[in-house]
Amino acid sequence: MSKSKPNRFQKRKTAHSLTGLQAVANAPAAGTLTELPLEIIHPDPNQPRQHFDERSLQELSDSIKARGVLQPIRVRPQGEKYEIISGERRYRAAEMAGLGSIPVVIESRADYTDFDQAIDALVENLQRDDLNVVDEVEGIFQLIRMRTEAELGEAAASKLDYAGIEQALNRMRNAQSTDFVGTEASIAQIAEELGLSWKTLAVKKASVWRWPEEILQALRQQQISLDVASVLKTIKEKRSRGKWLQAAIDEKFSASTLRARLKAERLLKAPSVEHKGPALRLRLDALLVKMKELPEHKAKVAVLEQLEKLENAIGTLESLLEDAS
């Protein structure tokens, strides 16, 4: 009978409580600091950061040429080579600088799993505070799938494409209790381990994968903020969206500025005052008749509040027209 294949995403087991010399003897080996040739090191194919800014990479390369690599990267053995856990940016910059080797800390714990590596890589990128939101979401979703596979099995994890994870997050938002089970529990645990709010992930970021590709590309290159992207993705017409995307990049719009510009464009395209005047007059006359016929005791607060707003709007409009004349 053949042995079942171990789950490579299995969570790290918690050691039993040990004391004294037994604890020392059984402690995991500390990371070993050494220097390795670049040719035997390779990046993690599941690295959460997919976009590396060329300008900042060149600046780091120039710094490494002048002063060397000041902080070692973390690697783990993979056969006869080593895979990067964290520090791929320094590794790339060292290659650009023409270095033959780089200082590394070798992760030598026997129970260090692929899941541990994925957590460490994402946390390291999040702590740098310059990971773009697209790579961040993809990294988090990858961890959710890995945790689900470890705890619920491969069949459950196979159902978790982007849509499946977004649906799970929506179920969490609508749940009456935070005592989650199944996939939802995995999501909550991943968020807690990363120091993130699953609610923020659900509300602001979970739908990013459905946004237009040109917006995702701008987010990856950090040309626009998430808030600006959220406004841009509401523009349905592709040519118009592309125009405003370029304007947001060139003029460095904030989300509020972009909303104001879009509103101004919409108003300027609306029917002219000459066309609106007669219809507005009819509506206002009808409203005034209804208000005159409304018994005093039925003039609810909500109606009076809207009437006050209308009076203020008329006053503002009168001032604008007077200044324009």
Protein backbone atom coordinates (compact mmCIF):
# COMPACT_ATOMS: atom_id res chain seq x y z
CA MET A 1 0.00 0.00 0.00
CA SER A 2 1.55 3.30 -1.09
CA LYS A 3 1.85 6.15 1.32
CA SER A 4 -0.38 9.16 0.74
CA LYS A 5 1.38 12.23 -0.57
CA PRO A 6 1.94 14.80 2.20
CA ASN A 7 0.19 18.14 1.87
CA ARG A 8 2.92 20.64 0.99
CA PHE A 9 0.81 23.46 2.40
CA GLN A 10 0.39 21.78 5.78
CA LYS A 11 0.50 24.20 8.71
CA ARG A 12 3.53 24.14 10.97
CA LYS A 13 2.91 21.87 13.95
CA THR A 14 3.14 23.39 17.39
CA ALA A 15 5.77 21.71 19.53
CA HIS A 16 4.88 20.33 22.95
CA SER A 17 5.92 22.49 25.89
CA LEU A 18 9.54 21.77 26.83
CA THR A 19 11.72 23.02 29.65
CA GLY A 20 15.40 23.28 30.56
CA LEU A 21 18.03 21.38 28.54
CA GLN A 22 15.31 19.53 26.61
CA ALA A 23 14.03 22.83 25.22
CA VAL A 24 17.53 23.86 24.15
CA ALA A 25 18.17 20.50 22.50
CA ASN A 26 14.90 20.57 20.57
CA ALA A 27 14.86 24.26 19.58
CA PRO A 28 14.70 24.93 15.81
CA ALA A 29 18.03 25.80 14.26
CA ALA A 30 18.60 29.52 13.94
CA GLY A 31 19.04 31.03 10.49
CA THR A 32 22.60 30.68 9.23
CA LEU A 33 24.28 33.83 7.90
CA THR A 34 26.58 33.23 4.95
CA GLU A 35 27.24 34.37 1.38
CA LEU A 36 26.05 32.47 -1.69
CA PRO A 37 26.68 32.81 -5.44
CA LEU A 38 23.77 34.46 -7.23
CA GLU A 39 23.73 31.63 -9.77
CA ILE A 40 22.45 29.11 -7.23
CA ILE A 41 19.69 31.39 -5.92
CA HIS A 42 16.31 31.74 -7.63
CA PRO A 43 13.18 33.79 -6.87
CA ASP A 44 10.03 32.26 -5.41
CA PRO A 45 7.57 31.76 -8.32
CA ASN A 46 4.75 32.54 -5.88
CA GLN A 47 6.29 35.82 -4.75
CA PRO A 48 3.42 38.24 -4.04
CA ARG A 49 5.23 41.21 -5.59
CA GLN A 50 4.92 40.87 -9.37
CA HIS A 51 5.87 44.42 -10.34
CA PHE A 52 9.26 45.96 -9.48
CA ASP A 53 9.68 49.66 -10.20
CA GLU A 54 12.63 49.99 -12.57
CA ARG A 55 13.71 53.42 -11.33
CA SER A 56 13.85 52.45 -7.65
CA LEU A 57 15.54 49.16 -8.61
CA GLN A 58 18.23 51.10 -10.47
CA GLU A 59 18.71 53.41 -7.49
CA LEU A 60 19.15 50.40 -5.20
CA SER A 61 21.59 48.85 -7.68
CA ASP A 62 23.68 52.04 -7.71
CA SER A 63 23.68 52.03 -3.90
CA ILE A 64 24.80 48.39 -3.84
CA LYS A 65 27.63 49.17 -6.27
CA ALA A 66 28.82 51.88 -3.89
CA ARG A 67 28.24 50.23 -0.51
CA GLY A 68 27.39 46.57 -1.08
CA VAL A 69 24.32 44.68 0.16
CA LEU A 70 23.86 45.91 3.73
CA GLN A 71 20.95 43.61 4.67
CA PRO A 72 21.07 39.89 3.81
CA ILE A 73 18.21 38.24 1.97
CA ARG A 74 16.41 35.16 3.37
CA VAL A 75 16.55 31.87 1.47
CA ARG A 76 15.65 28.22 1.99
CA PRO A 77 17.31 25.12 0.49
CA GLN A 78 15.62 23.72 -2.63
CA GLY A 79 17.61 20.70 -3.81
CA GLU A 80 21.05 21.93 -4.86
CA LYS A 81 19.86 25.54 -5.04
CA TYR A 82 18.20 28.09 -2.78
CA GLU A 83 14.83 29.82 -3.11
CA ILE A 84 14.27 33.38 -1.94
CA ILE A 85 11.89 33.85 1.00
CA SER A 86 12.31 37.62 1.22
CA GLY A 87 14.63 40.13 -0.41
CA GLU A 88 14.03 39.53 -4.12
CA ARG A 89 14.39 43.25 -4.79
CA ARG A 90 17.89 43.24 -3.28
CA TYR A 91 18.68 40.09 -5.26
CA ARG A 92 17.60 41.72 -8.54
CA ALA A 93 19.53 44.90 -7.74
CA ALA A 94 22.65 42.86 -6.92
CA GLU A 95 22.35 41.16 -10.32
CA MET A 96 22.03 44.56 -12.00
CA ALA A 97 25.10 45.78 -10.09
CA GLY A 98 27.12 42.85 -11.46
CA LEU A 99 27.73 41.12 -8.12
CA GLY A 100 28.66 37.44 -8.14
CA SER A 101 27.38 36.64 -4.65
CA ILE A 102 25.10 38.06 -1.97
CA PRO A 103 24.84 37.75 1.83
CA VAL A 104 21.99 35.44 2.87
CA VAL A 105 20.33 34.02 5.95
CA ILE A 106 19.51 30.36 5.29
CA GLU A 107 16.25 29.17 6.82
CA SER A 108 17.24 25.77 8.19
CA ARG A 109 14.24 24.71 10.28
CA ALA A 110 13.02 21.28 9.20
CA ASP A 111 9.37 22.17 9.84
CA TYR A 112 9.45 25.36 7.75
CA THR A 113 6.73 24.83 5.12
CA ASP A 114 5.67 26.44 1.85
CA PHE A 115 2.83 28.03 3.78
CA ASP A 116 5.28 29.58 6.26
CA GLN A 117 7.29 30.92 3.33
CA ALA A 118 4.22 32.43 1.67
CA ILE A 119 3.19 34.15 4.94
CA ASP A 120 6.71 35.53 5.52
CA ALA A 121 7.05 36.78 1.93
CA LEU A 122 3.72 38.62 2.01
CA VAL A 123 4.30 40.11 5.48
CA GLU A 124 7.74 41.35 4.41
CA ASN A 125 6.21 43.06 1.38
CA LEU A 126 3.31 44.53 3.36
CA GLN A 127 5.68 45.95 5.97
CA ARG A 128 7.59 47.76 3.22
CA ASP A 129 4.35 49.72 2.62
CA ASP A 130 4.94 49.97 -1.14
CA LEU A 131 3.29 46.77 -2.32
CA ASN A 132 0.68 47.66 -4.92
CA VAL A 133 -2.89 46.67 -4.11
CA VAL A 134 -3.22 44.20 -7.00
CA ASP A 135 -0.21 42.14 -5.90
CA GLU A 136 -1.39 42.46 -2.28
CA VAL A 137 -4.83 41.04 -3.07
CA GLU A 138 -3.39 38.25 -5.21
CA GLY A 139 -0.96 37.36 -2.41
CA ILE A 140 -3.71 37.30 0.22
CA PHE A 141 -5.99 35.21 -2.00
CA GLN A 142 -3.13 32.76 -2.56
CA LEU A 143 -2.65 32.40 1.21
CA ILE A 144 -6.39 31.83 1.67
CA ARG A 145 -6.31 28.99 -0.85
CA MET A 146 -3.22 27.47 0.81
CA ARG A 147 -4.76 27.65 4.30
CA THR A 148 -8.04 26.18 3.01
CA GLU A 149 -6.19 23.28 1.37
CA ALA A 150 -4.24 22.61 4.57
CA GLU A 151 -7.33 22.62 6.79
CA LEU A 152 -10.24 21.61 4.56
CA GLY A 153 -8.58 19.62 1.79
CA GLU A 154 -7.75 20.03 -1.88
CA ALA A 155 -11.38 19.75 -3.03
CA ALA A 156 -12.42 22.80 -0.98
CA ALA A 157 -9.38 24.81 -2.11
CA SER A 158 -10.00 24.01 -5.78
CA LYS A 159 -13.31 25.90 -5.61
CA LEU A 160 -11.60 29.08 -4.41
CA ASP A 161 -10.95 31.10 -7.52
CA TYR A 162 -11.19 34.89 -7.20
CA ALA A 163 -14.98 34.80 -7.46
CA GLY A 164 -15.23 32.08 -4.80
CA ILE A 165 -13.13 34.06 -2.30
CA GLU A 166 -15.07 37.27 -3.00
CA GLN A 167 -18.34 35.39 -2.40
CA ALA A 168 -16.99 34.02 0.89
CA LEU A 169 -16.05 37.54 1.99
CA ASN A 170 -19.53 38.77 1.11
CA ARG A 171 -21.02 35.97 3.24
CA MET A 172 -18.82 37.15 6.11
CA ARG A 173 -20.09 40.72 5.69
CA ASN A 174 -23.71 39.55 5.84
CA ALA A 175 -23.24 37.06 8.69
CA GLN A 176 -24.98 37.68 12.01
CA SER A 177 -22.00 36.28 13.95
CA THR A 178 -18.21 36.34 13.61
CA ASP A 179 -17.93 32.70 14.72
CA PHE A 180 -16.89 31.62 11.23
CA VAL A 181 -16.33 28.08 10.02
CA GLY A 182 -14.88 26.54 6.88
CA THR A 183 -13.48 28.89 4.24
CA GLU A 184 -14.68 31.95 6.14
CA ALA A 185 -12.69 30.84 9.20
CA SER A 186 -9.58 30.43 7.03
CA ILE A 187 -10.02 33.96 5.67
CA ALA A 188 -10.46 35.44 9.16
CA GLN A 189 -7.36 33.61 10.41
CA ILE A 190 -5.21 34.74 7.46
CA ALA A 191 -6.31 38.36 7.98
CA GLU A 192 -5.44 38.15 11.68
CA GLU A 193 -2.01 36.63 10.97
CA LEU A 194 -1.26 39.43 8.49
CA GLY A 195 -2.53 42.14 10.85
CA LEU A 196 -5.24 43.12 8.36
CA SER A 197 -8.98 43.69 8.61
CA TRP A 198 -11.02 41.16 6.62
CA LYS A 199 -13.79 43.79 6.49
CA THR A 200 -11.51 46.22 4.65
CA LEU A 201 -10.49 43.41 2.31
CA ALA A 202 -14.15 42.60 1.64
CA VAL A 203 -15.33 46.17 1.12
CA LYS A 204 -12.42 47.83 -0.68
CA LYS A 205 -10.21 45.21 -2.27
CA ALA A 206 -11.93 41.87 -2.91
CA SER A 207 -13.47 43.01 -6.22
CA VAL A 208 -10.21 44.40 -7.65
CA TRP A 209 -9.71 41.31 -9.82
CA ARG A 210 -12.86 42.25 -11.80
CA TRP A 211 -11.69 45.78 -12.63
CA PRO A 212 -10.61 46.80 -16.18
CA GLU A 213 -7.09 45.68 -17.07
CA GLU A 214 -5.77 49.20 -17.75
CA ILE A 215 -6.73 50.23 -14.20
CA LEU A 216 -5.07 47.12 -12.74
CA GLN A 217 -1.91 47.92 -14.70
CA ALA A 218 -1.86 51.49 -13.35
CA LEU A 219 -2.33 50.13 -9.81
CA ARG A 220 0.51 47.63 -10.28
CA GLN A 221 2.80 50.45 -11.38
CA GLN A 222 1.49 52.61 -8.50
CA GLN A 223 0.54 55.40 -10.87
CA ILE A 224 -2.82 55.90 -9.13
CA SER A 225 -4.22 55.23 -5.68
CA LEU A 226 -6.85 52.63 -4.81
CA ASP A 227 -9.40 55.41 -4.18
CA VAL A 228 -8.78 56.93 -7.62
CA ALA A 229 -9.03 53.47 -9.20
CA SER A 230 -12.37 52.95 -7.42
CA VAL A 231 -13.72 56.07 -9.13
CA LEU A 232 -12.27 55.21 -12.54
CA LYS A 233 -13.76 51.72 -12.63
CA THR A 234 -17.27 53.24 -12.48
CA ILE A 235 -16.73 54.80 -15.94
CA LYS A 236 -18.31 52.27 -18.29
CA GLU A 237 -17.22 53.66 -21.66
CA LYS A 238 -13.69 52.43 -22.40
CA ARG A 239 -12.44 55.47 -24.34
CA SER A 240 -13.69 57.89 -21.69
CA ARG A 241 -12.19 55.74 -18.93
CA GLY A 242 -8.83 55.71 -20.71
CA LYS A 243 -8.91 59.50 -21.10
CA TRP A 244 -9.60 60.06 -17.41
CA LEU A 245 -7.07 57.44 -16.36
CA GLN A 246 -4.35 59.27 -18.28
CA ALA A 247 -5.47 62.60 -16.82
CA ALA A 248 -5.38 61.13 -13.30
CA ILE A 249 -1.83 59.89 -13.89
CA ASP A 250 -0.55 63.08 -15.55
CA GLU A 251 -2.16 65.52 -13.11
CA LYS A 252 -1.92 63.26 -10.03
CA PHE A 253 -5.62 63.56 -9.20
CA SER A 254 -6.98 62.72 -5.79
CA ALA A 255 -10.25 60.79 -5.75
CA SER A 256 -12.22 63.91 -4.76
CA THR A 257 -10.67 65.95 -7.59
CA LEU A 258 -11.49 63.22 -10.10
CA ARG A 259 -15.11 63.04 -8.89
CA ALA A 260 -15.44 66.82 -9.23
CA ARG A 261 -14.02 66.76 -12.78
CA LEU A 262 -16.34 63.93 -13.80
CA LYS A 263 -19.33 65.75 -12.34
CA ALA A 264 -18.40 68.94 -14.18
CA GLU A 265 -18.13 67.02 -17.45
CA ARG A 266 -21.49 65.38 -16.88
CA LEU A 267 -23.18 68.72 -16.15
CA LEU A 268 -21.68 70.40 -19.22
CA LYS A 269 -23.00 67.59 -21.41
CA ALA A 270 -26.49 67.86 -19.90
CA PRO A 271 -29.33 69.69 -21.75
CA SER A 272 -28.93 73.49 -21.85
CA VAL A 273 -30.71 75.89 -19.49
CA GLU A 274 -33.07 76.87 -22.33
CA HIS A 275 -34.23 73.25 -22.60
CA LYS A 276 -34.45 72.69 -18.83
CA GLY A 277 -36.30 75.93 -17.99
CA PRO A 278 -39.86 75.07 -19.08
CA ALA A 279 -39.79 71.60 -17.50
CA LEU A 280 -38.43 72.96 -14.22
CA ARG A 281 -41.09 75.70 -14.16
CA LEU A 282 -43.86 73.13 -14.55
CA ARG A 283 -42.45 70.92 -11.80
CA LEU A 284 -42.00 73.85 -9.38
CA ASP A 285 -45.54 75.14 -10.06
CA ALA A 286 -46.96 71.68 -9.40
CA LEU A 287 -44.97 71.38 -6.16
CA LEU A 288 -46.14 74.78 -4.91
CA VAL A 289 -49.77 73.85 -5.56
CA LYS A 290 -49.36 70.58 -3.65
CA MET A 291 -47.67 72.34 -0.74
CA LYS A 292 -50.45 74.96 -0.56
CA GLU A 293 -53.04 72.19 -0.38
CA LEU A 294 -51.08 70.22 2.26
CA PRO A 295 -52.70 70.53 5.74
CA GLU A 296 -50.43 72.17 8.32
CA HIS A 297 -50.29 69.09 10.54
CA LYS A 298 -49.13 66.98 7.59
CA ALA A 299 -46.16 69.21 6.74
CA LYS A 300 -43.63 66.71 8.00
CA VAL A 301 -40.11 67.67 9.03
CA ALA A 302 -38.63 65.88 6.00
CA VAL A 303 -40.72 68.04 3.61
CA LEU A 304 -39.75 71.25 5.44
CA GLU A 305 -36.06 70.28 5.35
CA GLN A 306 -36.18 69.76 1.59
CA LEU A 307 -38.00 73.07 1.12
CA GLU A 308 -35.25 74.83 3.07
CA LYS A 309 -32.63 73.20 0.84
CA LEU A 310 -34.55 74.35 -2.24
CA GLU A 311 -34.65 77.93 -0.96
CA ASN A 312 -30.89 77.83 -0.32
CA ALA A 313 -30.24 76.39 -3.77
CA ILE A 314 -32.33 79.14 -5.38
CA GLY A 315 -30.40 81.77 -3.43
CA THR A 316 -27.07 80.29 -4.55
CA LEU A 317 -28.25 80.14 -8.15
CA GLU A 318 -29.40 83.77 -8.01
CA SER A 319 -25.94 84.82 -6.78
CA LEU A 320 -24.17 82.86 -9.53
CA LEU A 321 -26.37 84.32 -12.25
CA GLU A 322 -25.90 87.85 -10.89
CA ASP A 323 -22.10 87.43 -10.93
CA ALA A 324 -22.20 85.99 -14.45
CA SER A 325 -24.29 88.85 -15.88
